[in-house]
mmCIF file of all heavy atoms, coordinates in Angstrom:
data_MODEL
# 
_entry.id   MODEL 
# 
loop_
_atom_site.group_PDB 
_atom_site.id 
_atom_site.type_symbol 
_atom_site.label_atom_id 
_atom_site.label_alt_id 
_atom_site.label_comp_id 
_atom_site.label_asym_id 
_atom_site.label_entity_id 
_atom_site.label_seq_id 
_atom_site.pdbx_PDB_ins_code 
_atom_site.Cartn_x 
_atom_site.Cartn_y 
_atom_site.Cartn_z 
_atom_site.occupancy 
_atom_site.B_iso_or_equiv 
_atom_site.pdbx_formal_charge 
_atom_site.auth_seq_id 
_atom_site.auth_comp_id 
_atom_site.auth_asym_id 
_atom_site.auth_atom_id 
_atom_site.pdbx_PDB_model_num 
ATOM 1   N N   . SER A 1 1  ? 8.089  197.043 -100.569 1.00 0.00 ? 1  SER A N   1 
ATOM 2   C CA  . SER A 1 1  ? 8.689  198.091 -99.743  1.00 0.00 ? 1  SER A CA  1 
ATOM 3   C C   . SER A 1 1  ? 7.670  199.053 -99.156  1.00 0.00 ? 1  SER A C   1 
ATOM 4   O O   . SER A 1 1  ? 8.023  199.914 -98.337  1.00 0.00 ? 1  SER A O   1 
ATOM 5   C CB  . SER A 1 1  ? 9.705  198.884 -100.564 1.00 0.00 ? 1  SER A CB  1 
ATOM 6   O OG  . SER A 1 1  ? 9.066  199.520 -101.666 1.00 0.00 ? 1  SER A OG  1 
ATOM 7   N N   . ALA A 1 2  ? 6.406  198.928 -99.531  1.00 0.00 ? 2  ALA A N   1 
ATOM 8   C CA  . ALA A 1 2  ? 5.380  199.877 -99.071  1.00 0.00 ? 2  ALA A CA  1 
ATOM 9   C C   . ALA A 1 2  ? 5.232  199.873 -97.552  1.00 0.00 ? 2  ALA A C   1 
ATOM 10  O O   . ALA A 1 2  ? 4.982  200.917 -96.940  1.00 0.00 ? 2  ALA A O   1 
ATOM 11  C CB  . ALA A 1 2  ? 4.047  199.564 -99.737  1.00 0.00 ? 2  ALA A CB  1 
ATOM 12  N N   . GLY A 1 3  ? 5.394  198.702 -96.928  1.00 0.00 ? 3  GLY A N   1 
ATOM 13  C CA  . GLY A 1 3  ? 5.288  198.633 -95.468  1.00 0.00 ? 3  GLY A CA  1 
ATOM 14  C C   . GLY A 1 3  ? 6.345  199.473 -94.781  1.00 0.00 ? 3  GLY A C   1 
ATOM 15  O O   . GLY A 1 3  ? 6.075  200.130 -93.767  1.00 0.00 ? 3  GLY A O   1 
ATOM 16  N N   . CYS A 1 4  ? 7.564  199.449 -95.335  1.00 0.00 ? 4  CYS A N   1 
ATOM 17  C CA  . CYS A 1 4  ? 8.641  200.279 -94.770  1.00 0.00 ? 4  CYS A CA  1 
ATOM 18  C C   . CYS A 1 4  ? 8.279  201.756 -94.857  1.00 0.00 ? 4  CYS A C   1 
ATOM 19  O O   . CYS A 1 4  ? 8.497  202.517 -93.907  1.00 0.00 ? 4  CYS A O   1 
ATOM 20  C CB  . CYS A 1 4  ? 9.947  200.020 -95.519  1.00 0.00 ? 4  CYS A CB  1 
ATOM 21  S SG  . CYS A 1 4  ? 10.664 198.386 -95.248  1.00 0.00 ? 4  CYS A SG  1 
ATOM 22  N N   . LEU A 1 5  ? 7.724  202.172 -96.002  1.00 0.00 ? 5  LEU A N   1 
ATOM 23  C CA  . LEU A 1 5  ? 7.340  203.576 -96.162  1.00 0.00 ? 5  LEU A CA  1 
ATOM 24  C C   . LEU A 1 5  ? 6.253  203.951 -95.165  1.00 0.00 ? 5  LEU A C   1 
ATOM 25  O O   . LEU A 1 5  ? 6.281  205.034 -94.575  1.00 0.00 ? 5  LEU A O   1 
ATOM 26  C CB  . LEU A 1 5  ? 6.862  203.840 -97.587  1.00 0.00 ? 5  LEU A CB  1 
ATOM 27  C CG  . LEU A 1 5  ? 6.396  205.272 -97.883  1.00 0.00 ? 5  LEU A CG  1 
ATOM 28  C CD1 . LEU A 1 5  ? 7.485  206.278 -97.559  1.00 0.00 ? 5  LEU A CD1 1 
ATOM 29  C CD2 . LEU A 1 5  ? 5.952  205.416 -99.335  1.00 0.00 ? 5  LEU A CD2 1 
ATOM 30  N N   . PHE A 1 6  ? 5.288  203.057 -94.954  1.00 0.00 ? 6  PHE A N   1 
ATOM 31  C CA  . PHE A 1 6  ? 4.200  203.340 -94.006  1.00 0.00 ? 6  PHE A CA  1 
ATOM 32  C C   . PHE A 1 6  ? 4.763  203.617 -92.607  1.00 0.00 ? 6  PHE A C   1 
ATOM 33  O O   . PHE A 1 6  ? 4.422  204.616 -91.968  1.00 0.00 ? 6  PHE A O   1 
ATOM 34  C CB  . PHE A 1 6  ? 3.225  202.168 -93.963  1.00 0.00 ? 6  PHE A CB  1 
ATOM 35  C CG  . PHE A 1 6  ? 2.090  202.360 -92.990  1.00 0.00 ? 6  PHE A CG  1 
ATOM 36  C CD1 . PHE A 1 6  ? 0.937  203.022 -93.369  1.00 0.00 ? 6  PHE A CD1 1 
ATOM 37  C CD2 . PHE A 1 6  ? 2.190  201.897 -91.682  1.00 0.00 ? 6  PHE A CD2 1 
ATOM 38  C CE1 . PHE A 1 6  ? -0.111 203.220 -92.467  1.00 0.00 ? 6  PHE A CE1 1 
ATOM 39  C CE2 . PHE A 1 6  ? 1.152  202.083 -90.779  1.00 0.00 ? 6  PHE A CE2 1 
ATOM 40  C CZ  . PHE A 1 6  ? -0.002 202.739 -91.172  1.00 0.00 ? 6  PHE A CZ  1 
ATOM 41  N N   . PHE A 1 7  ? 5.641  202.725 -92.128  1.00 0.00 ? 7  PHE A N   1 
ATOM 42  C CA  . PHE A 1 7  ? 6.165  202.879 -90.767  1.00 0.00 ? 7  PHE A CA  1 
ATOM 43  C C   . PHE A 1 7  ? 7.098  204.082 -90.658  1.00 0.00 ? 7  PHE A C   1 
ATOM 44  O O   . PHE A 1 7  ? 7.068  204.803 -89.649  1.00 0.00 ? 7  PHE A O   1 
ATOM 45  C CB  . PHE A 1 7  ? 6.895  201.603 -90.332  1.00 0.00 ? 7  PHE A CB  1 
ATOM 46  C CG  . PHE A 1 7  ? 5.969  200.446 -90.077  1.00 0.00 ? 7  PHE A CG  1 
ATOM 47  C CD1 . PHE A 1 7  ? 6.073  199.277 -90.813  1.00 0.00 ? 7  PHE A CD1 1 
ATOM 48  C CD2 . PHE A 1 7  ? 4.997  200.527 -89.089  1.00 0.00 ? 7  PHE A CD2 1 
ATOM 49  C CE1 . PHE A 1 7  ? 5.214  198.202 -90.587  1.00 0.00 ? 7  PHE A CE1 1 
ATOM 50  C CE2 . PHE A 1 7  ? 4.130  199.457 -88.843  1.00 0.00 ? 7  PHE A CE2 1 
ATOM 51  C CZ  . PHE A 1 7  ? 4.237  198.300 -89.598  1.00 0.00 ? 7  PHE A CZ  1 
ATOM 52  N N   . LEU A 1 8  ? 7.898  204.335 -91.676  1.00 0.00 ? 8  LEU A N   1 
ATOM 53  C CA  . LEU A 1 8  ? 8.768  205.513 -91.633  1.00 0.00 ? 8  LEU A CA  1 
ATOM 54  C C   . LEU A 1 8  ? 7.963  206.801 -91.683  1.00 0.00 ? 8  LEU A C   1 
ATOM 55  O O   . LEU A 1 8  ? 8.353  207.815 -91.092  1.00 0.00 ? 8  LEU A O   1 
ATOM 56  C CB  . LEU A 1 8  ? 9.758  205.476 -92.803  1.00 0.00 ? 8  LEU A CB  1 
ATOM 57  C CG  . LEU A 1 8  ? 10.979 204.566 -92.635  1.00 0.00 ? 8  LEU A CG  1 
ATOM 58  C CD1 . LEU A 1 8  ? 11.763 204.488 -93.936  1.00 0.00 ? 8  LEU A CD1 1 
ATOM 59  C CD2 . LEU A 1 8  ? 11.885 205.048 -91.508  1.00 0.00 ? 8  LEU A CD2 1 
ATOM 60  N N   . SER A 1 9  ? 6.832  206.774 -92.378  1.00 0.00 ? 9  SER A N   1 
ATOM 61  C CA  . SER A 1 9  ? 5.988  207.970 -92.488  1.00 0.00 ? 9  SER A CA  1 
ATOM 62  C C   . SER A 1 9  ? 5.475  208.428 -91.131  1.00 0.00 ? 9  SER A C   1 
ATOM 63  O O   . SER A 1 9  ? 5.321  209.625 -90.884  1.00 0.00 ? 9  SER A O   1 
ATOM 64  C CB  . SER A 1 9  ? 4.805  207.696 -93.423  1.00 0.00 ? 9  SER A CB  1 
ATOM 65  O OG  . SER A 1 9  ? 5.251  207.354 -94.707  1.00 0.00 ? 9  SER A OG  1 
ATOM 66  N N   . ILE A 1 10 ? 5.207  207.462 -90.245  1.00 0.00 ? 10 ILE A N   1 
ATOM 67  C CA  . ILE A 1 10 ? 4.723  207.821 -88.903  1.00 0.00 ? 10 ILE A CA  1 
ATOM 68  C C   . ILE A 1 10 ? 5.740  208.708 -88.193  1.00 0.00 ? 10 ILE A C   1 
ATOM 69  O O   . ILE A 1 10 ? 5.387  209.618 -87.441  1.00 0.00 ? 10 ILE A O   1 
ATOM 70  C CB  . ILE A 1 10 ? 4.459  206.540 -88.077  1.00 0.00 ? 10 ILE A CB  1 
ATOM 71  C CG1 . ILE A 1 10 ? 3.365  205.696 -88.747  1.00 0.00 ? 10 ILE A CG1 1 
ATOM 72  C CG2 . ILE A 1 10 ? 4.051  206.891 -86.639  1.00 0.00 ? 10 ILE A CG2 1 
ATOM 73  C CD1 . ILE A 1 10 ? 3.184  204.320 -88.130  1.00 0.00 ? 10 ILE A CD1 1 
ATOM 74  N N   . GLY A 1 11 ? 7.006  208.449 -88.451  1.00 0.00 ? 11 GLY A N   1 
ATOM 75  C CA  . GLY A 1 11 ? 8.054  209.192 -87.751  1.00 0.00 ? 11 GLY A CA  1 
ATOM 76  C C   . GLY A 1 11 ? 8.383  210.550 -88.326  1.00 0.00 ? 11 GLY A C   1 
ATOM 77  O O   . GLY A 1 11 ? 9.132  211.315 -87.705  1.00 0.00 ? 11 GLY A O   1 
ATOM 78  N N   . ILE A 1 12 ? 7.828  210.889 -89.506  1.00 0.00 ? 12 ILE A N   1 
ATOM 79  C CA  . ILE A 1 12 ? 8.215  212.148 -90.155  1.00 0.00 ? 12 ILE A CA  1 
ATOM 80  C C   . ILE A 1 12 ? 7.881  213.356 -89.292  1.00 0.00 ? 12 ILE A C   1 
ATOM 81  O O   . ILE A 1 12 ? 8.692  214.281 -89.150  1.00 0.00 ? 12 ILE A O   1 
ATOM 82  C CB  . ILE A 1 12 ? 7.540  212.275 -91.536  1.00 0.00 ? 12 ILE A CB  1 
ATOM 83  C CG1 . ILE A 1 12 ? 8.185  211.292 -92.522  1.00 0.00 ? 12 ILE A CG1 1 
ATOM 84  C CG2 . ILE A 1 12 ? 7.670  213.698 -92.076  1.00 0.00 ? 12 ILE A CG2 1 
ATOM 85  C CD1 . ILE A 1 12 ? 7.510  211.261 -93.879  1.00 0.00 ? 12 ILE A CD1 1 
ATOM 86  N N   . VAL A 1 13 ? 6.710  213.374 -88.698  1.00 0.00 ? 13 VAL A N   1 
ATOM 87  C CA  . VAL A 1 13 ? 6.321  214.534 -87.891  1.00 0.00 ? 13 VAL A CA  1 
ATOM 88  C C   . VAL A 1 13 ? 7.258  214.686 -86.697  1.00 0.00 ? 13 VAL A C   1 
ATOM 89  O O   . VAL A 1 13 ? 7.622  215.811 -86.312  1.00 0.00 ? 13 VAL A O   1 
ATOM 90  C CB  . VAL A 1 13 ? 4.840  214.424 -87.447  1.00 0.00 ? 13 VAL A CB  1 
ATOM 91  C CG1 . VAL A 1 13 ? 4.627  213.265 -86.493  1.00 0.00 ? 13 VAL A CG1 1 
ATOM 92  C CG2 . VAL A 1 13 ? 4.387  215.731 -86.802  1.00 0.00 ? 13 VAL A CG2 1 
ATOM 93  N N   . PHE A 1 14 ? 7.701  213.564 -86.122  1.00 0.00 ? 14 PHE A N   1 
ATOM 94  C CA  . PHE A 1 14 ? 8.649  213.637 -85.004  1.00 0.00 ? 14 PHE A CA  1 
ATOM 95  C C   . PHE A 1 14 ? 10.039 214.051 -85.488  1.00 0.00 ? 14 PHE A C   1 
ATOM 96  O O   . PHE A 1 14 ? 10.772 214.733 -84.766  1.00 0.00 ? 14 PHE A O   1 
ATOM 97  C CB  . PHE A 1 14 ? 8.710  212.284 -84.282  1.00 0.00 ? 14 PHE A CB  1 
ATOM 98  C CG  . PHE A 1 14 ? 7.424  211.908 -83.617  1.00 0.00 ? 14 PHE A CG  1 
ATOM 99  C CD1 . PHE A 1 14 ? 6.530  211.046 -84.237  1.00 0.00 ? 14 PHE A CD1 1 
ATOM 100 C CD2 . PHE A 1 14 ? 7.094  212.435 -82.376  1.00 0.00 ? 14 PHE A CD2 1 
ATOM 101 C CE1 . PHE A 1 14 ? 5.332  210.705 -83.629  1.00 0.00 ? 14 PHE A CE1 1 
ATOM 102 C CE2 . PHE A 1 14 ? 5.901  212.098 -81.757  1.00 0.00 ? 14 PHE A CE2 1 
ATOM 103 C CZ  . PHE A 1 14 ? 5.011  211.231 -82.393  1.00 0.00 ? 14 PHE A CZ  1 
ATOM 104 N N   . LEU A 1 15 ? 10.391 213.645 -86.704  1.00 0.00 ? 15 LEU A N   1 
ATOM 105 C CA  . LEU A 1 15 ? 11.655 214.088 -87.299  1.00 0.00 ? 15 LEU A CA  1 
ATOM 106 C C   . LEU A 1 15 ? 11.648 215.593 -87.491  1.00 0.00 ? 15 LEU A C   1 
ATOM 107 O O   . LEU A 1 15 ? 12.650 216.270 -87.224  1.00 0.00 ? 15 LEU A O   1 
ATOM 108 C CB  . LEU A 1 15 ? 11.885 213.370 -88.626  1.00 0.00 ? 15 LEU A CB  1 
ATOM 109 C CG  . LEU A 1 15 ? 13.130 213.765 -89.434  1.00 0.00 ? 15 LEU A CG  1 
ATOM 110 C CD1 . LEU A 1 15 ? 14.397 213.497 -88.643  1.00 0.00 ? 15 LEU A CD1 1 
ATOM 111 C CD2 . LEU A 1 15 ? 13.163 213.018 -90.766  1.00 0.00 ? 15 LEU A CD2 1 
ATOM 112 N N   . CYS A 1 16 ? 10.526 216.141 -87.953  1.00 0.00 ? 16 CYS A N   1 
ATOM 113 C CA  . CYS A 1 16 ? 10.402 217.599 -88.119  1.00 0.00 ? 16 CYS A CA  1 
ATOM 114 C C   . CYS A 1 16 ? 10.572 218.312 -86.785  1.00 0.00 ? 16 CYS A C   1 
ATOM 115 O O   . CYS A 1 16 ? 11.263 219.338 -86.691  1.00 0.00 ? 16 CYS A O   1 
ATOM 116 C CB  . CYS A 1 16 ? 9.059  217.939 -88.752  1.00 0.00 ? 16 CYS A CB  1 
ATOM 117 S SG  . CYS A 1 16 ? 8.905  217.491 -90.491  1.00 0.00 ? 16 CYS A SG  1 
ATOM 118 N N   . ILE A 1 17 ? 9.926  217.778 -85.738  1.00 0.00 ? 17 ILE A N   1 
ATOM 119 C CA  . ILE A 1 17 ? 10.056 218.373 -84.404  1.00 0.00 ? 17 ILE A CA  1 
ATOM 120 C C   . ILE A 1 17 ? 11.500 218.281 -83.923  1.00 0.00 ? 17 ILE A C   1 
ATOM 121 O O   . ILE A 1 17 ? 12.060 219.242 -83.378  1.00 0.00 ? 17 ILE A O   1 
ATOM 122 C CB  . ILE A 1 17 ? 9.110  217.686 -83.405  1.00 0.00 ? 17 ILE A CB  1 
ATOM 123 C CG1 . ILE A 1 17 ? 7.650  217.979 -83.779  1.00 0.00 ? 17 ILE A CG1 1 
ATOM 124 C CG2 . ILE A 1 17 ? 9.385  218.141 -81.979  1.00 0.00 ? 17 ILE A CG2 1 
ATOM 125 C CD1 . ILE A 1 17 ? 6.638  217.172 -82.986  1.00 0.00 ? 17 ILE A CD1 1 
ATOM 126 N N   . ALA A 1 18 ? 12.117 217.099 -84.129  1.00 0.00 ? 18 ALA A N   1 
ATOM 127 C CA  . ALA A 1 18 ? 13.491 216.887 -83.670  1.00 0.00 ? 18 ALA A CA  1 
ATOM 128 C C   . ALA A 1 18 ? 14.440 217.872 -84.333  1.00 0.00 ? 18 ALA A C   1 
ATOM 129 O O   . ALA A 1 18 ? 15.283 218.497 -83.661  1.00 0.00 ? 18 ALA A O   1 
ATOM 130 C CB  . ALA A 1 18 ? 13.917 215.450 -83.971  1.00 0.00 ? 18 ALA A CB  1 
ATOM 131 N N   . GLN A 1 19 ? 14.328 218.041 -85.660  1.00 0.00 ? 19 GLN A N   1 
ATOM 132 C CA  . GLN A 1 19 ? 15.220 218.952 -86.374  1.00 0.00 ? 19 GLN A CA  1 
ATOM 133 C C   . GLN A 1 19 ? 14.982 220.395 -85.955  1.00 0.00 ? 19 GLN A C   1 
ATOM 134 O O   . GLN A 1 19 ? 15.929 221.168 -85.779  1.00 0.00 ? 19 GLN A O   1 
ATOM 135 C CB  . GLN A 1 19 ? 15.012 218.809 -87.891  1.00 0.00 ? 19 GLN A CB  1 
ATOM 136 C CG  . GLN A 1 19 ? 15.423 217.464 -88.466  1.00 0.00 ? 19 GLN A CG  1 
ATOM 137 C CD  . GLN A 1 19 ? 16.928 217.354 -88.691  1.00 0.00 ? 19 GLN A CD  1 
ATOM 138 O OE1 . GLN A 1 19 ? 17.720 217.925 -87.960  1.00 0.00 ? 19 GLN A OE1 1 
ATOM 139 N NE2 . GLN A 1 19 ? 17.319 216.603 -89.692  1.00 0.00 ? 19 GLN A NE2 1 
ATOM 140 N N   . THR A 1 20 ? 13.723 220.776 -85.818  1.00 0.00 ? 20 THR A N   1 
ATOM 141 C CA  . THR A 1 20 ? 13.399 222.152 -85.451  1.00 0.00 ? 20 THR A CA  1 
ATOM 142 C C   . THR A 1 20 ? 13.914 222.498 -84.057  1.00 0.00 ? 20 THR A C   1 
ATOM 143 O O   . THR A 1 20 ? 14.503 223.560 -83.835  1.00 0.00 ? 20 THR A O   1 
ATOM 144 C CB  . THR A 1 20 ? 11.877 222.380 -85.506  1.00 0.00 ? 20 THR A CB  1 
ATOM 145 O OG1 . THR A 1 20 ? 11.398 222.044 -86.806  1.00 0.00 ? 20 THR A OG1 1 
ATOM 146 C CG2 . THR A 1 20 ? 11.535 223.825 -85.209  1.00 0.00 ? 20 THR A CG2 1 
ATOM 147 N N   . MET A 1 21 ? 13.696 221.594 -83.109  1.00 0.00 ? 21 MET A N   1 
ATOM 148 C CA  . MET A 1 21 ? 14.170 221.835 -81.751  1.00 0.00 ? 21 MET A CA  1 
ATOM 149 C C   . MET A 1 21 ? 15.699 221.792 -81.679  1.00 0.00 ? 21 MET A C   1 
ATOM 150 O O   . MET A 1 21 ? 16.316 222.500 -80.888  1.00 0.00 ? 21 MET A O   1 
ATOM 151 C CB  . MET A 1 21 ? 13.565 220.809 -80.794  1.00 0.00 ? 21 MET A CB  1 
ATOM 152 C CG  . MET A 1 21 ? 12.046 220.921 -80.633  1.00 0.00 ? 21 MET A CG  1 
ATOM 153 S SD  . MET A 1 21 ? 11.491 222.491 -79.917  1.00 0.00 ? 21 MET A SD  1 
ATOM 154 C CE  . MET A 1 21 ? 10.765 223.291 -81.367  1.00 0.00 ? 21 MET A CE  1 
ATOM 155 N N   . ALA A 1 22 ? 16.334 220.966 -82.529  1.00 0.00 ? 22 ALA A N   1 
ATOM 156 C CA  . ALA A 1 22 ? 17.799 220.950 -82.591  1.00 0.00 ? 22 ALA A CA  1 
ATOM 157 C C   . ALA A 1 22 ? 18.313 222.296 -83.081  1.00 0.00 ? 22 ALA A C   1 
ATOM 158 O O   . ALA A 1 22 ? 19.321 222.815 -82.567  1.00 0.00 ? 22 ALA A O   1 
ATOM 159 C CB  . ALA A 1 22 ? 18.278 219.826 -83.504  1.00 0.00 ? 22 ALA A CB  1 
ATOM 160 N N   . GLY A 1 23 ? 17.641 222.878 -84.076  1.00 0.00 ? 23 GLY A N   1 
ATOM 161 C CA  . GLY A 1 23 ? 18.006 224.203 -84.552  1.00 0.00 ? 23 GLY A CA  1 
ATOM 162 C C   . GLY A 1 23 ? 17.841 225.261 -83.468  1.00 0.00 ? 23 GLY A C   1 
ATOM 163 O O   . GLY A 1 23 ? 18.662 226.173 -83.338  1.00 0.00 ? 23 GLY A O   1 
ATOM 164 N N   . THR A 1 24 ? 16.789 225.116 -82.679  1.00 0.00 ? 24 THR A N   1 
ATOM 165 C CA  . THR A 1 24 ? 16.564 226.040 -81.566  1.00 0.00 ? 24 THR A CA  1 
ATOM 166 C C   . THR A 1 24 ? 17.687 225.937 -80.544  1.00 0.00 ? 24 THR A C   1 
ATOM 167 O O   . THR A 1 24 ? 18.212 226.955 -80.065  1.00 0.00 ? 24 THR A O   1 
ATOM 168 C CB  . THR A 1 24 ? 15.212 225.743 -80.893  1.00 0.00 ? 24 THR A CB  1 
ATOM 169 O OG1 . THR A 1 24 ? 14.164 225.873 -81.849  1.00 0.00 ? 24 THR A OG1 1 
ATOM 170 C CG2 . THR A 1 24 ? 14.964 226.689 -79.735  1.00 0.00 ? 24 THR A CG2 1 
ATOM 171 N N   . LEU A 1 25 ? 18.067 224.704 -80.195  1.00 0.00 ? 25 LEU A N   1 
ATOM 172 C CA  . LEU A 1 25 ? 19.155 224.501 -79.236  1.00 0.00 ? 25 LEU A CA  1 
ATOM 173 C C   . LEU A 1 25 ? 20.472 225.065 -79.758  1.00 0.00 ? 25 LEU A C   1 
ATOM 174 O O   . LEU A 1 25 ? 21.256 225.638 -79.006  1.00 0.00 ? 25 LEU A O   1 
ATOM 175 C CB  . LEU A 1 25 ? 19.302 223.004 -78.930  1.00 0.00 ? 25 LEU A CB  1 
ATOM 176 C CG  . LEU A 1 25 ? 18.157 222.380 -78.117  1.00 0.00 ? 25 LEU A CG  1 
ATOM 177 C CD1 . LEU A 1 25 ? 18.266 220.869 -78.112  1.00 0.00 ? 25 LEU A CD1 1 
ATOM 178 C CD2 . LEU A 1 25 ? 18.180 222.918 -76.682  1.00 0.00 ? 25 LEU A CD2 1 
# 
């Protein structure tokens, strides 16, 4: 399952941006 974690980890920073900007909206 480590490969799945690696690829999902790339998206974490974009998830943080998405949630923060959603809160702003």
